[in-house]
């Protein structure tokens, strides 16, 4: 079975690309099948199993790609992990969680900033423009034109500790998110602020759509988190949650156009945001 997945999703990777993950990658609880999901690459017809943990309610895909294979796929910009057209798409605005982060950071003095998953570098450049020492991690070619961008967390300067660490839309892409979080904890100090965002499997859409939920995008996304699995993951990695907020990525600026007030669908979006039914976690954490 694993050979079949490798031939479809990672045919150019010349080592073992996949591993079975029948038990939860976060707490090792028993996995219950939720169904089969379509790949992020719509040209690939092989379905991928989605499992739910009976203990911490975490969701993940089985089989899991090993991290070295994922690194290779991201470096080459493979459609197996980014889909078609993402690398060429332009990003002109910060996401809702990124704007929330900037609002929270106004109360702090930051000297050293570390961002994992720089992407198109919109958030990274916000901190860079303030004269802050900025370092970033990005495997893809799209972020390499910015200063102090490294392909691996092991490459960043370890002689300093970072006041602000960011991993927005990152952990759901990793084979084992705890490995990354443990490395970040080693670079943190007692006052380090960690900001995270990742898919919320307790959202209204997730509960209703399951394998057809809009966030189910293997192998672009591998993990989908409950509050329990996020708390367990962070706690095992040397962190504790300080705030956890659900967002549907809705931007209230949209209501500046008065005609939107008369659209029922617009009010449904507002309700999902206001009542915490959204598809995304925005989490802040500090060192244990």
C-alpha atoms as a PDB file:
ATOM      1  CA  UNK A   1       0.000   0.000   0.000  1.00  0.00           C
ATOM      2  CA  UNK A   2       2.761   2.464   0.909  1.00  0.00           C
ATOM      3  CA  UNK A   3       4.425   1.896  -2.459  1.00  0.00           C
ATOM      4  CA  UNK A   4       1.209   2.947  -4.173  1.00  0.00           C
ATOM      5  CA  UNK A   5       1.135   6.267  -2.295  1.00  0.00           C
ATOM      6  CA  UNK A   6       4.782   6.912  -3.051  1.00  0.00           C
ATOM      7  CA  UNK A   7       4.324   6.242  -6.768  1.00  0.00           C
ATOM      8  CA  UNK A   8       1.405   8.695  -6.923  1.00  0.00           C
ATOM      9  CA  UNK A   9       2.504  11.494  -4.591  1.00  0.00           C
ATOM     10  CA  UNK A  10       6.305  11.266  -4.349  1.00  0.00           C
ATOM     11  CA  UNK A  11       7.577   9.303  -7.326  1.00  0.00           C
ATOM     12  CA  UNK A  12      10.836  11.305  -7.523  1.00  0.00           C
ATOM     13  CA  UNK A  13      11.732  10.716  -3.873  1.00  0.00           C
ATOM     14  CA  UNK A  14      14.209   7.839  -3.740  1.00  0.00           C
ATOM     15  CA  UNK A  15      13.882   6.697  -0.144  1.00  0.00           C
ATOM     16  CA  UNK A  16      10.988   5.567   2.044  1.00  0.00           C
ATOM     17  CA  UNK A  17       8.381   8.306   1.648  1.00  0.00           C
ATOM     18  CA  UNK A  18       5.421   7.151   3.766  1.00  0.00           C
ATOM     19  CA  UNK A  19       4.726   5.473   7.097  1.00  0.00           C
ATOM     20  CA  UNK A  20       1.581   3.982   8.555  1.00  0.00           C
ATOM     21  CA  UNK A  21      -0.050   6.075  11.294  1.00  0.00           C
ATOM     22  CA  UNK A  22      -2.899   4.029  12.747  1.00  0.00           C
ATOM     23  CA  UNK A  23      -2.463   5.720  16.131  1.00  0.00           C
ATOM     24  CA  UNK A  24      -2.670   9.419  16.905  1.00  0.00           C
ATOM     25  CA  UNK A  25       0.595  11.293  16.188  1.00  0.00           C
ATOM     26  CA  UNK A  26      -0.179  13.632  19.104  1.00  0.00           C
ATOM     27  CA  UNK A  27      -1.195  11.314  21.977  1.00  0.00           C
ATOM     28  CA  UNK A  28      -0.930   7.786  20.504  1.00  0.00           C
ATOM     29  CA  UNK A  29      -4.652   7.209  21.032  1.00  0.00           C
ATOM     30  CA  UNK A  30      -6.591   4.830  18.816  1.00  0.00           C
ATOM     31  CA  UNK A  31      -7.543   6.108  15.382  1.00  0.00           C
ATOM     32  CA  UNK A  32     -11.119   5.875  14.115  1.00  0.00           C
ATOM     33  CA  UNK A  33     -11.741   6.209  10.362  1.00  0.00           C
ATOM     34  CA  UNK A  34     -13.754   9.241   9.247  1.00  0.00           C
ATOM     35  CA  UNK A  35     -13.582   8.366   5.559  1.00  0.00           C
ATOM     36  CA  UNK A  36     -11.445   8.896   2.468  1.00  0.00           C
ATOM     37  CA  UNK A  37     -10.378  12.347   1.294  1.00  0.00           C
ATOM     38  CA  UNK A  38      -9.385  13.704  -2.102  1.00  0.00           C
ATOM     39  CA  UNK A  39      -5.845  15.034  -2.602  1.00  0.00           C
ATOM     40  CA  UNK A  40      -4.967  18.724  -2.832  1.00  0.00           C
ATOM     41  CA  UNK A  41      -3.726  17.836  -6.322  1.00  0.00           C
ATOM     42  CA  UNK A  42      -6.951  17.364  -8.271  1.00  0.00           C
ATOM     43  CA  UNK A  43      -5.064  15.470 -10.988  1.00  0.00           C
ATOM     44  CA  UNK A  44      -4.421  12.608  -8.557  1.00  0.00           C
ATOM     45  CA  UNK A  45      -7.360  10.272  -7.963  1.00  0.00           C
ATOM     46  CA  UNK A  46      -5.942   8.153  -5.123  1.00  0.00           C
ATOM     47  CA  UNK A  47      -7.911   8.848  -1.926  1.00  0.00           C
ATOM     48  CA  UNK A  48      -6.260   9.316   1.469  1.00  0.00           C
ATOM     49  CA  UNK A  49      -7.716   8.091   4.760  1.00  0.00           C
ATOM     50  CA  UNK A  50      -8.722  10.591   7.435  1.00  0.00           C
ATOM     51  CA  UNK A  51      -8.613   9.336  11.048  1.00  0.00           C
ATOM     52  CA  UNK A  52      -9.877  10.780  14.334  1.00  0.00           C
ATOM     53  CA  UNK A  53      -8.305  10.127  17.738  1.00  0.00           C
ATOM     54  CA  UNK A  54     -10.613   8.541  20.307  1.00  0.00           C
ATOM     55  CA  UNK A  55      -8.719  10.290  23.127  1.00  0.00           C
ATOM     56  CA  UNK A  56      -7.744  13.853  22.098  1.00  0.00           C
ATOM     57  CA  UNK A  57     -10.019  14.242  19.028  1.00  0.00           C
ATOM     58  CA  UNK A  58      -7.104  15.027  16.743  1.00  0.00           C
ATOM     59  CA  UNK A  59      -7.564  14.352  13.003  1.00  0.00           C
ATOM     60  CA  UNK A  60      -4.772  13.210  10.697  1.00  0.00           C
ATOM     61  CA  UNK A  61      -4.135  11.412   7.431  1.00  0.00           C
ATOM     62  CA  UNK A  62      -2.942   7.837   7.089  1.00  0.00           C
ATOM     63  CA  UNK A  63      -0.426   7.032   5.719  1.00  0.00           C
ATOM     64  CA  UNK A  64       1.751   9.971   6.741  1.00  0.00           C
ATOM     65  CA  UNK A  65       4.606  11.279   4.596  1.00  0.00           C
ATOM     66  CA  UNK A  66       7.956  11.289   6.405  1.00  0.00           C
ATOM     67  CA  UNK A  67       9.326  14.776   7.004  1.00  0.00           C
ATOM     68  CA  UNK A  68      12.314  14.365   4.672  1.00  0.00           C
ATOM     69  CA  UNK A  69       9.946  13.525   1.833  1.00  0.00           C
ATOM     70  CA  UNK A  70       7.754  16.550   2.646  1.00  0.00           C
ATOM     71  CA  UNK A  71      10.832  18.787   2.644  1.00  0.00           C
ATOM     72  CA  UNK A  72      11.752  17.504  -0.802  1.00  0.00           C
ATOM     73  CA  UNK A  73       8.228  18.060  -2.153  1.00  0.00           C
ATOM     74  CA  UNK A  74       8.082  21.641  -0.847  1.00  0.00           C
ATOM     75  CA  UNK A  75      11.536  22.458  -2.179  1.00  0.00           C
ATOM     76  CA  UNK A  76      10.505  21.397  -5.682  1.00  0.00           C
ATOM     77  CA  UNK A  77       7.096  23.077  -5.402  1.00  0.00           C
ATOM     78  CA  UNK A  78       5.235  19.808  -5.963  1.00  0.00           C
ATOM     79  CA  UNK A  79       1.486  19.888  -6.582  1.00  0.00           C
ATOM     80  CA  UNK A  80       1.249  16.987  -4.110  1.00  0.00           C
ATOM     81  CA  UNK A  81       1.696  19.503  -1.269  1.00  0.00           C
ATOM     82  CA  UNK A  82       0.849  22.958  -2.626  1.00  0.00           C
ATOM     83  CA  UNK A  83      -1.719  22.164  -5.296  1.00  0.00           C
ATOM     84  CA  UNK A  84      -1.875  23.851  -8.663  1.00  0.00           C
ATOM     85  CA  UNK A  85      -1.167  27.568  -9.006  1.00  0.00           C
ATOM     86  CA  UNK A  86      -0.339  28.513  -5.404  1.00  0.00           C
ATOM     87  CA  UNK A  87       3.322  29.364  -6.011  1.00  0.00           C
ATOM     88  CA  UNK A  88       2.330  31.762  -8.800  1.00  0.00           C
ATOM     89  CA  UNK A  89      -0.511  33.402  -6.873  1.00  0.00           C
ATOM     90  CA  UNK A  90       0.039  36.851  -5.385  1.00  0.00           C
ATOM     91  CA  UNK A  91      -0.727  37.670  -1.760  1.00  0.00           C
ATOM     92  CA  UNK A  92      -1.632  41.324  -1.313  1.00  0.00           C
ATOM     93  CA  UNK A  93      -2.980  41.386   2.225  1.00  0.00           C
ATOM     94  CA  UNK A  94      -2.255  39.905   5.624  1.00  0.00           C
ATOM     95  CA  UNK A  95      -4.518  37.117   6.859  1.00  0.00           C
ATOM     96  CA  UNK A  96      -6.902  37.645   9.778  1.00  0.00           C
ATOM     97  CA  UNK A  97      -4.603  35.792  12.268  1.00  0.00           C
ATOM     98  CA  UNK A  98      -1.608  37.829  11.050  1.00  0.00           C
ATOM     99  CA  UNK A  99      -3.495  41.055  11.701  1.00  0.00           C
ATOM    100  CA  UNK A 100      -4.508  39.767  15.134  1.00  0.00           C
ATOM    101  CA  UNK A 101      -0.843  39.023  15.857  1.00  0.00           C
ATOM    102  CA  UNK A 102       0.269  42.529  14.889  1.00  0.00           C
ATOM    103  CA  UNK A 103      -2.386  44.067  17.114  1.00  0.00           C
ATOM    104  CA  UNK A 104      -1.175  42.017  20.088  1.00  0.00           C
ATOM    105  CA  UNK A 105       2.486  42.810  19.391  1.00  0.00           C
ATOM    106  CA  UNK A 106       1.944  46.567  19.710  1.00  0.00           C
ATOM    107  CA  UNK A 107       2.345  46.231  23.456  1.00  0.00           C
ATOM    108  CA  UNK A 108       5.790  44.628  23.307  1.00  0.00           C
ATOM    109  CA  UNK A 109       9.338  45.623  22.459  1.00  0.00           C
ATOM    110  CA  UNK A 110      10.771  43.008  20.122  1.00  0.00           C
ATOM    111  CA  UNK A 111      14.492  42.695  19.389  1.00  0.00           C
ATOM    112  CA  UNK A 112      14.705  39.263  17.780  1.00  0.00           C
ATOM    113  CA  UNK A 113      11.930  37.808  15.611  1.00  0.00           C
ATOM    114  CA  UNK A 114      11.698  34.270  14.184  1.00  0.00           C
ATOM    115  CA  UNK A 115       9.092  33.165  11.670  1.00  0.00           C
ATOM    116  CA  UNK A 116       8.655  29.585  10.476  1.00  0.00           C
ATOM    117  CA  UNK A 117       6.959  29.349   7.094  1.00  0.00           C
ATOM    118  CA  UNK A 118       7.685  32.817   5.730  1.00  0.00           C
ATOM    119  CA  UNK A 119       5.748  32.129   2.522  1.00  0.00           C
ATOM    120  CA  UNK A 120       5.342  35.330   0.483  1.00  0.00           C
ATOM    121  CA  UNK A 121       6.913  37.273   3.423  1.00  0.00           C
ATOM    122  CA  UNK A 122       4.163  39.862   3.991  1.00  0.00           C
ATOM    123  CA  UNK A 123       4.237  39.413   7.779  1.00  0.00           C
ATOM    124  CA  UNK A 124       8.019  38.970   7.852  1.00  0.00           C
ATOM    125  CA  UNK A 125       8.503  42.303   6.095  1.00  0.00           C
ATOM    126  CA  UNK A 126       6.222  44.054   8.594  1.00  0.00           C
ATOM    127  CA  UNK A 127       8.700  43.226  11.364  1.00  0.00           C
ATOM    128  CA  UNK A 128      11.737  43.777   9.152  1.00  0.00           C
ATOM    129  CA  UNK A 129      10.597  47.328   8.333  1.00  0.00           C
ATOM    130  CA  UNK A 130      10.701  48.189  12.054  1.00  0.00           C
ATOM    131  CA  UNK A 131      14.435  47.504  12.274  1.00  0.00           C
ATOM    132  CA  UNK A 132      13.963  44.256  14.225  1.00  0.00           C
ATOM    133  CA  UNK A 133      16.467  41.397  13.851  1.00  0.00           C
ATOM    134  CA  UNK A 134      14.390  39.050  11.700  1.00  0.00           C
ATOM    135  CA  UNK A 135      15.082  35.433  10.803  1.00  0.00           C
ATOM    136  CA  UNK A 136      12.861  33.071   8.874  1.00  0.00           C
ATOM    137  CA  UNK A 137      12.447  29.499   7.696  1.00  0.00           C
ATOM    138  CA  UNK A 138      11.142  28.702   4.227  1.00  0.00           C
ATOM    139  CA  UNK A 139      11.628  25.587   2.129  1.00  0.00           C
ATOM    140  CA  UNK A 140       9.975  26.917  -1.022  1.00  0.00           C
ATOM    141  CA  UNK A 141      11.642  29.216  -3.490  1.00  0.00           C
ATOM    142  CA  UNK A 142       8.997  31.953  -3.062  1.00  0.00           C
ATOM    143  CA  UNK A 143      10.514  33.359   0.156  1.00  0.00           C
ATOM    144  CA  UNK A 144      14.202  33.141  -0.679  1.00  0.00           C
ATOM    145  CA  UNK A 145      14.563  36.748  -1.931  1.00  0.00           C
ATOM    146  CA  UNK A 146      14.325  38.096   1.614  1.00  0.00           C
ATOM    147  CA  UNK A 147      17.281  38.475   4.017  1.00  0.00           C
ATOM    148  CA  UNK A 148      18.063  35.909   6.727  1.00  0.00           C
ATOM    149  CA  UNK A 149      15.809  33.197   5.300  1.00  0.00           C
ATOM    150  CA  UNK A 150      17.025  29.638   5.926  1.00  0.00           C
ATOM    151  CA  UNK A 151      15.736  26.278   4.659  1.00  0.00           C
ATOM    152  CA  UNK A 152      15.852  24.611   8.085  1.00  0.00           C
ATOM    153  CA  UNK A 153      15.338  25.652  11.692  1.00  0.00           C
ATOM    154  CA  UNK A 154      18.697  24.086  12.565  1.00  0.00           C
ATOM    155  CA  UNK A 155      20.360  26.792  10.430  1.00  0.00           C
ATOM    156  CA  UNK A 156      19.181  29.878  12.354  1.00  0.00           C
ATOM    157  CA  UNK A 157      21.568  31.606  14.784  1.00  0.00           C
ATOM    158  CA  UNK A 158      21.440  29.883  18.165  1.00  0.00           C
ATOM    159  CA  UNK A 159      23.533  32.547  19.901  1.00  0.00           C
ATOM    160  CA  UNK A 160      20.404  34.639  20.495  1.00  0.00           C
ATOM    161  CA  UNK A 161      16.995  34.007  21.993  1.00  0.00           C
ATOM    162  CA  UNK A 162      13.885  35.175  20.219  1.00  0.00           C
ATOM    163  CA  UNK A 163      11.282  37.448  21.797  1.00  0.00           C
ATOM    164  CA  UNK A 164       8.615  36.696  19.219  1.00  0.00           C
ATOM    165  CA  UNK A 165       8.144  33.414  17.356  1.00  0.00           C
ATOM    166  CA  UNK A 166       5.555  32.812  14.654  1.00  0.00           C
ATOM    167  CA  UNK A 167       4.373  29.659  12.896  1.00  0.00           C
ATOM    168  CA  UNK A 168       1.225  30.640  11.018  1.00  0.00           C
ATOM    169  CA  UNK A 169      -0.323  27.859   8.922  1.00  0.00           C
ATOM    170  CA  UNK A 170       2.718  25.632   9.450  1.00  0.00           C
ATOM    171  CA  UNK A 171       2.092  22.808  11.925  1.00  0.00           C
ATOM    172  CA  UNK A 172      -0.647  21.199   9.827  1.00  0.00           C
ATOM    173  CA  UNK A 173       1.959  20.652   7.085  1.00  0.00           C
ATOM    174  CA  UNK A 174       4.472  18.725   9.213  1.00  0.00           C
ATOM    175  CA  UNK A 175       4.734  14.991   9.736  1.00  0.00           C
ATOM    176  CA  UNK A 176       5.409  15.469  13.468  1.00  0.00           C
ATOM    177  CA  UNK A 177       4.580  19.008  14.698  1.00  0.00           C
ATOM    178  CA  UNK A 178       6.118  18.318  18.112  1.00  0.00           C
ATOM    179  CA  UNK A 179       9.604  18.151  16.604  1.00  0.00           C
ATOM    180  CA  UNK A 180       9.315  21.741  15.370  1.00  0.00           C
ATOM    181  CA  UNK A 181       7.804  23.016  18.628  1.00  0.00           C
ATOM    182  CA  UNK A 182      10.560  21.420  20.717  1.00  0.00           C
ATOM    183  CA  UNK A 183      13.209  23.096  18.566  1.00  0.00           C
ATOM    184  CA  UNK A 184      11.449  26.439  19.031  1.00  0.00           C
ATOM    185  CA  UNK A 185      11.325  25.976  22.803  1.00  0.00           C
ATOM    186  CA  UNK A 186      15.119  25.571  22.831  1.00  0.00           C
ATOM    187  CA  UNK A 187      15.431  29.030  21.231  1.00  0.00           C
ATOM    188  CA  UNK A 188      12.959  30.722  23.572  1.00  0.00           C
ATOM    189  CA  UNK A 189      13.368  32.673  26.791  1.00  0.00           C
ATOM    190  CA  UNK A 190      10.985  33.048  29.719  1.00  0.00           C
ATOM    191  CA  UNK A 191       9.170  35.946  28.040  1.00  0.00           C
ATOM    192  CA  UNK A 192       9.010  34.602  24.473  1.00  0.00           C
ATOM    193  CA  UNK A 193       5.643  34.958  22.759  1.00  0.00           C
ATOM    194  CA  UNK A 194       4.675  32.158  20.367  1.00  0.00           C
ATOM    195  CA  UNK A 195       1.897  32.715  17.817  1.00  0.00           C
ATOM    196  CA  UNK A 196       0.306  29.828  15.932  1.00  0.00           C
ATOM    197  CA  UNK A 197      -2.581  29.252  13.570  1.00  0.00           C
ATOM    198  CA  UNK A 198      -3.825  25.935  12.187  1.00  0.00           C
ATOM    199  CA  UNK A 199      -7.086  24.183  11.201  1.00  0.00           C
ATOM    200  CA  UNK A 200      -9.780  23.782  13.867  1.00  0.00           C
ATOM    201  CA  UNK A 201     -11.499  20.416  13.514  1.00  0.00           C
ATOM    202  CA  UNK A 202     -14.202  21.512  15.971  1.00  0.00           C
ATOM    203  CA  UNK A 203     -15.541  24.163  13.609  1.00  0.00           C
ATOM    204  CA  UNK A 204     -19.102  24.153  12.322  1.00  0.00           C
ATOM    205  CA  UNK A 205     -18.006  23.174   8.790  1.00  0.00           C
ATOM    206  CA  UNK A 206     -15.630  20.451  10.016  1.00  0.00           C
ATOM    207  CA  UNK A 207     -18.340  18.757  12.081  1.00  0.00           C
ATOM    208  CA  UNK A 208     -20.772  18.830   9.173  1.00  0.00           C
ATOM    209  CA  UNK A 209     -18.582  18.096   6.145  1.00  0.00           C
ATOM    210  CA  UNK A 210     -15.917  15.780   7.653  1.00  0.00           C
ATOM    211  CA  UNK A 211     -13.747  14.568   4.712  1.00  0.00           C
ATOM    212  CA  UNK A 212     -15.266  17.211   2.409  1.00  0.00           C
ATOM    213  CA  UNK A 213     -14.449  20.091   4.784  1.00  0.00           C
ATOM    214  CA  UNK A 214     -12.595  22.844   2.920  1.00  0.00           C
ATOM    215  CA  UNK A 215      -9.490  22.421   5.104  1.00  0.00           C
ATOM    216  CA  UNK A 216      -9.068  18.739   4.206  1.00  0.00           C
ATOM    217  CA  UNK A 217      -6.279  19.075   1.640  1.00  0.00           C
ATOM    218  CA  UNK A 218      -3.848  16.142   1.824  1.00  0.00           C
ATOM    219  CA  UNK A 219      -0.939  16.172   1.510  1.00  0.00           C
ATOM    220  CA  UNK A 220      -0.914  19.942   1.724  1.00  0.00           C
ATOM    221  CA  UNK A 221      -2.585  19.601   5.118  1.00  0.00           C
ATOM    222  CA  UNK A 222      -1.834  16.554   7.260  1.00  0.00           C
ATOM    223  CA  UNK A 223      -3.157  17.515  10.722  1.00  0.00           C
ATOM    224  CA  UNK A 224      -6.399  19.100  11.982  1.00  0.00           C
ATOM    225  CA  UNK A 225      -6.500  20.090  15.641  1.00  0.00           C
ATOM    226  CA  UNK A 226      -8.986  20.028  18.493  1.00  0.00           C
ATOM    227  CA  UNK A 227      -8.336  22.181  21.545  1.00  0.00           C
ATOM    228  CA  UNK A 228      -7.351  19.002  23.420  1.00  0.00           C
ATOM    229  CA  UNK A 229      -4.824  17.914  20.786  1.00  0.00           C
ATOM    230  CA  UNK A 230      -3.356  21.426  20.514  1.00  0.00           C
ATOM    231  CA  UNK A 231      -2.933  21.610  24.309  1.00  0.00           C
ATOM    232  CA  UNK A 232      -1.367  18.130  24.413  1.00  0.00           C
ATOM    233  CA  UNK A 233       0.982  18.898  21.498  1.00  0.00           C
ATOM    234  CA  UNK A 234       2.206  22.155  23.026  1.00  0.00           C
ATOM    235  CA  UNK A 235       2.501  20.758  26.540  1.00  0.00           C
ATOM    236  CA  UNK A 236       4.615  17.824  25.374  1.00  0.00           C
ATOM    237  CA  UNK A 237       6.875  20.283  23.536  1.00  0.00           C
ATOM    238  CA  UNK A 238       7.609  22.661  26.408  1.00  0.00           C
ATOM    239  CA  UNK A 239       4.850  25.234  25.838  1.00  0.00           C
ATOM    240  CA  UNK A 240       1.562  26.210  27.443  1.00  0.00           C
ATOM    241  CA  UNK A 241      -1.402  27.880  25.783  1.00  0.00           C
ATOM    242  CA  UNK A 242      -2.143  31.409  27.002  1.00  0.00           C
ATOM    243  CA  UNK A 243      -5.050  32.168  24.648  1.00  0.00           C
ATOM    244  CA  UNK A 244      -6.965  30.096  22.114  1.00  0.00           C
ATOM    245  CA  UNK A 245      -9.359  31.784  19.726  1.00  0.00           C
ATOM    246  CA  UNK A 246     -11.391  30.363  16.841  1.00  0.00           C
ATOM    247  CA  UNK A 247     -11.663  32.456  13.703  1.00  0.00           C
ATOM    248  CA  UNK A 248     -13.311  31.937  10.341  1.00  0.00           C
ATOM    249  CA  UNK A 249     -10.832  34.380   8.760  1.00  0.00           C
ATOM    250  CA  UNK A 250     -13.678  36.864   8.260  1.00  0.00           C
ATOM    251  CA  UNK A 251     -12.555  40.469   7.875  1.00  0.00           C
ATOM    252  CA  UNK A 252     -15.094  42.979   9.200  1.00  0.00           C
ATOM    253  CA  UNK A 253     -13.775  45.607   6.785  1.00  0.00           C
ATOM    254  CA  UNK A 254     -16.007  43.898   4.232  1.00  0.00           C
ATOM    255  CA  UNK A 255     -19.011  45.563   5.913  1.00  0.00           C
ATOM    256  CA  UNK A 256     -17.794  48.983   4.815  1.00  0.00           C
ATOM    257  CA  UNK A 257     -19.688  48.188   1.661  1.00  0.00           C
ATOM    258  CA  UNK A 258     -23.228  48.846   2.883  1.00  0.00           C
ATOM    259  CA  UNK A 259     -24.852  46.519   0.400  1.00  0.00           C
ATOM    260  CA  UNK A 260     -23.225  43.571   2.165  1.00  0.00           C
ATOM    261  CA  UNK A 261     -25.448  44.252   5.205  1.00  0.00           C
ATOM    262  CA  UNK A 262     -28.431  43.024   3.223  1.00  0.00           C
ATOM    263  CA  UNK A 263     -26.919  39.680   2.240  1.00  0.00           C
ATOM    264  CA  UNK A 264     -27.968  36.743   4.502  1.00  0.00           C
ATOM    265  CA  UNK A 265     -24.772  34.871   3.611  1.00  0.00           C
ATOM    266  CA  UNK A 266     -22.738  37.781   4.985  1.00  0.00           C
ATOM    267  CA  UNK A 267     -24.502  37.531   8.338  1.00  0.00           C
ATOM    268  CA  UNK A 268     -23.841  33.795   8.459  1.00  0.00           C
ATOM    269  CA  UNK A 269     -20.138  34.557   8.064  1.00  0.00           C
ATOM    270  CA  UNK A 270     -20.339  37.090  10.892  1.00  0.00           C
ATOM    271  CA  UNK A 271     -22.110  34.560  13.141  1.00  0.00           C
ATOM    272  CA  UNK A 272     -19.418  31.927  12.500  1.00  0.00           C
ATOM    273  CA  UNK A 273     -16.782  34.472  13.499  1.00  0.00           C
ATOM    274  CA  UNK A 274     -18.635  35.884  16.519  1.00  0.00           C
ATOM    275  CA  UNK A 275     -19.743  32.548  18.025  1.00  0.00           C
ATOM    276  CA  UNK A 276     -16.380  30.804  17.548  1.00  0.00           C
ATOM    277  CA  UNK A 277     -17.510  28.386  14.847  1.00  0.00           C
ATOM    278  CA  UNK A 278     -14.571  29.218  12.580  1.00  0.00           C
ATOM    279  CA  UNK A 279     -12.225  26.903  10.706  1.00  0.00           C
ATOM    280  CA  UNK A 280      -8.970  28.223  12.178  1.00  0.00           C
ATOM    281  CA  UNK A 281      -7.320  28.273  15.588  1.00  0.00           C
ATOM    282  CA  UNK A 282      -5.321  31.355  16.560  1.00  0.00           C
ATOM    283  CA  UNK A 283      -3.204  30.423  19.556  1.00  0.00           C
ATOM    284  CA  UNK A 284      -0.717  32.270  21.704  1.00  0.00           C
ATOM    285  CA  UNK A 285       1.655  30.339  23.949  1.00  0.00           C
ATOM    286  CA  UNK A 286       4.548  30.799  26.304  1.00  0.00           C
ATOM    287  CA  UNK A 287       7.315  28.596  27.582  1.00  0.00           C
ATOM    288  CA  UNK A 288       6.522  26.211  30.465  1.00  0.00           C
END
